[in-house]
Amino acid sequence: MKKARIGQSTIEYVIVFAMVAGAIIMVGAMLKPKVQGAYSDLATAMQSKVKQEMP
């Protein structure tokens, strides 16, 4: 009887871990375009600033 409980606990931990990992992946996928856009805007601003300061 005790072995069944250990196996059940392990399966529960695996399910919770999979749900947390899935949530992290989903949030990352949702934020990826915003992060890429922010880096692109930053790169553009830095490039224009460098061009202004060059003689």
N, C-alpha and C. Protein backbone atom coordinates (compact mmCIF):
# COMPACT_ATOMS: atom_id res chain seq x y z
N MET A 1 0.82 -1.19 0.00
CA MET A 1 0.00 0.00 0.00
C MET A 1 0.87 1.26 0.00
N LYS A 2 1.97 1.23 0.73
CA LYS A 2 2.83 2.41 0.80
C LYS A 2 3.48 2.71 -0.54
N LYS A 3 3.82 1.67 -1.32
CA LYS A 3 4.44 1.89 -2.63
C LYS A 3 3.52 2.65 -3.56
N ALA A 4 2.25 2.37 -3.53
CA ALA A 4 1.28 3.06 -4.40
C ALA A 4 1.26 4.55 -4.08
N ARG A 5 1.36 4.90 -2.80
CA ARG A 5 1.35 6.31 -2.42
C ARG A 5 2.60 7.01 -2.91
N ILE A 6 3.74 6.35 -2.85
CA ILE A 6 4.98 6.97 -3.33
C ILE A 6 4.88 7.22 -4.83
N GLY A 7 4.39 6.26 -5.57
CA GLY A 7 4.22 6.42 -7.00
C GLY A 7 3.22 7.52 -7.33
N GLN A 8 2.16 7.59 -6.56
CA GLN A 8 1.16 8.62 -6.77
C GLN A 8 1.75 10.00 -6.51
N SER A 9 2.54 10.14 -5.46
CA SER A 9 3.16 11.43 -5.15
C SER A 9 4.11 11.86 -6.26
N THR A 10 4.86 10.90 -6.78
CA THR A 10 5.79 11.21 -7.86
C THR A 10 5.04 11.70 -9.09
N ILE A 11 3.96 11.05 -9.43
CA ILE A 11 3.17 11.45 -10.59
C ILE A 11 2.58 12.84 -10.37
N GLU A 12 2.13 13.13 -9.16
CA GLU A 12 1.59 14.45 -8.88
C GLU A 12 2.66 15.53 -9.04
N TYR A 13 3.86 15.26 -8.56
CA TYR A 13 4.96 16.23 -8.73
C TYR A 13 5.30 16.43 -10.20
N VAL A 14 5.29 15.37 -10.98
CA VAL A 14 5.59 15.47 -12.41
C VAL A 14 4.52 16.30 -13.10
N ILE A 15 3.27 16.10 -12.75
CA ILE A 15 2.17 16.87 -13.37
C ILE A 15 2.30 18.35 -13.01
N VAL A 16 2.57 18.65 -11.75
CA VAL A 16 2.73 20.05 -11.33
C VAL A 16 3.92 20.68 -12.04
N PHE A 17 5.03 19.95 -12.11
CA PHE A 17 6.21 20.46 -12.80
C PHE A 17 5.91 20.74 -14.27
N ALA A 18 5.19 19.84 -14.92
CA ALA A 18 4.84 20.03 -16.33
C ALA A 18 3.94 21.24 -16.52
N MET A 19 3.02 21.46 -15.59
CA MET A 19 2.14 22.62 -15.69
C MET A 19 2.92 23.91 -15.50
N VAL A 20 3.83 23.94 -14.54
CA VAL A 20 4.64 25.15 -14.31
C VAL A 20 5.53 25.41 -15.52
N ALA A 21 6.17 24.37 -16.04
CA ALA A 21 7.03 24.54 -17.22
C ALA A 21 6.22 25.02 -18.41
N GLY A 22 5.02 24.48 -18.60
CA GLY A 22 4.16 24.92 -19.69
C GLY A 22 3.76 26.37 -19.54
N ALA A 23 3.47 26.79 -18.33
CA ALA A 23 3.10 28.19 -18.09
C ALA A 23 4.27 29.12 -18.39
N ILE A 24 5.46 28.72 -17.98
CA ILE A 24 6.66 29.54 -18.24
C ILE A 24 6.89 29.66 -19.74
N ILE A 25 6.74 28.57 -20.46
CA ILE A 25 6.93 28.59 -21.92
C ILE A 25 5.88 29.48 -22.58
N MET A 26 4.63 29.39 -22.13
CA MET A 26 3.58 30.22 -22.72
C MET A 26 3.82 31.71 -22.47
N VAL A 27 4.22 32.06 -21.27
CA VAL A 27 4.49 33.46 -20.95
C VAL A 27 5.68 33.96 -21.77
N GLY A 28 6.70 33.12 -21.90
CA GLY A 28 7.85 33.49 -22.73
C GLY A 28 7.47 33.72 -24.17
N ALA A 29 6.61 32.87 -24.70
CA ALA A 29 6.17 33.03 -26.09
C ALA A 29 5.33 34.29 -26.26
N MET A 30 4.55 34.63 -25.25
CA MET A 30 3.73 35.83 -25.34
C MET A 30 4.57 37.10 -25.24
N LEU A 31 5.62 37.07 -24.46
CA LEU A 31 6.45 38.25 -24.25
C LEU A 31 7.55 38.42 -25.30
N LYS A 32 7.84 37.38 -26.05
CA LYS A 32 8.95 37.42 -27.01
C LYS A 32 8.83 38.58 -28.00
N PRO A 33 7.68 38.81 -28.64
CA PRO A 33 7.60 39.93 -29.58
C PRO A 33 7.85 41.28 -28.91
N LYS A 34 7.35 41.45 -27.69
CA LYS A 34 7.54 42.73 -27.00
C LYS A 34 9.01 42.95 -26.66
N VAL A 35 9.69 41.91 -26.22
CA VAL A 35 11.10 42.03 -25.88
C VAL A 35 11.92 42.30 -27.14
N GLN A 36 11.62 41.60 -28.21
CA GLN A 36 12.33 41.83 -29.46
C GLN A 36 12.10 43.25 -29.96
N GLY A 37 10.88 43.75 -29.84
CA GLY A 37 10.58 45.11 -30.25
C GLY A 37 11.34 46.13 -29.41
N ALA A 38 11.43 45.88 -28.12
CA ALA A 38 12.15 46.80 -27.25
C ALA A 38 13.63 46.83 -27.59
N TYR A 39 14.22 45.68 -27.84
CA TYR A 39 15.64 45.63 -28.23
C TYR A 39 15.86 46.30 -29.58
N SER A 40 14.93 46.12 -30.50
CA SER A 40 15.04 46.74 -31.81
C SER A 40 14.97 48.27 -31.69
N ASP A 41 14.03 48.75 -30.88
CA ASP A 41 13.92 50.19 -30.66
C ASP A 41 15.18 50.75 -30.00
N LEU A 42 15.71 50.02 -29.04
CA LEU A 42 16.93 50.45 -28.36
C LEU A 42 18.10 50.51 -29.33
N ALA A 43 18.22 49.49 -30.17
CA ALA A 43 19.31 49.46 -31.15
C ALA A 43 19.19 50.61 -32.14
N THR A 44 17.97 50.91 -32.57
CA THR A 44 17.74 52.01 -33.50
C THR A 44 18.11 53.35 -32.85
N ALA A 45 17.70 53.53 -31.60
CA ALA A 45 18.00 54.77 -30.90
C ALA A 45 19.51 54.94 -30.70
N MET A 46 20.19 53.86 -30.35
CA MET A 46 21.63 53.93 -30.16
C MET A 46 22.35 54.22 -31.47
N GLN A 47 21.88 53.60 -32.55
CA GLN A 47 22.50 53.81 -33.85
C GLN A 47 22.31 55.25 -34.32
N SER A 48 21.12 55.80 -34.13
CA SER A 48 20.90 57.18 -34.54
C SER A 48 21.71 58.15 -33.69
N LYS A 49 21.89 57.84 -32.42
CA LYS A 49 22.69 58.69 -31.54
C LYS A 49 24.15 58.69 -31.96
N VAL A 50 24.66 57.51 -32.34
CA VAL A 50 26.05 57.41 -32.78
C VAL A 50 26.24 58.17 -34.09
N LYS A 51 25.27 58.07 -35.00
CA LYS A 51 25.37 58.77 -36.28
C LYS A 51 25.37 60.29 -36.08
N GLN A 52 24.60 60.76 -35.09
CA GLN A 52 24.54 62.20 -34.82
C GLN A 52 25.88 62.72 -34.28
N GLU A 53 26.55 61.91 -33.48
CA GLU A 53 27.78 62.36 -32.85
C GLU A 53 29.00 62.22 -33.74
N MET A 54 28.89 61.46 -34.83
CA MET A 54 30.03 61.31 -35.75
C MET A 54 30.15 62.55 -36.61
N PRO A 55 31.39 63.01 -36.82
CA PRO A 55 31.58 64.22 -37.64
C PRO A 55 31.33 63.99 -39.11
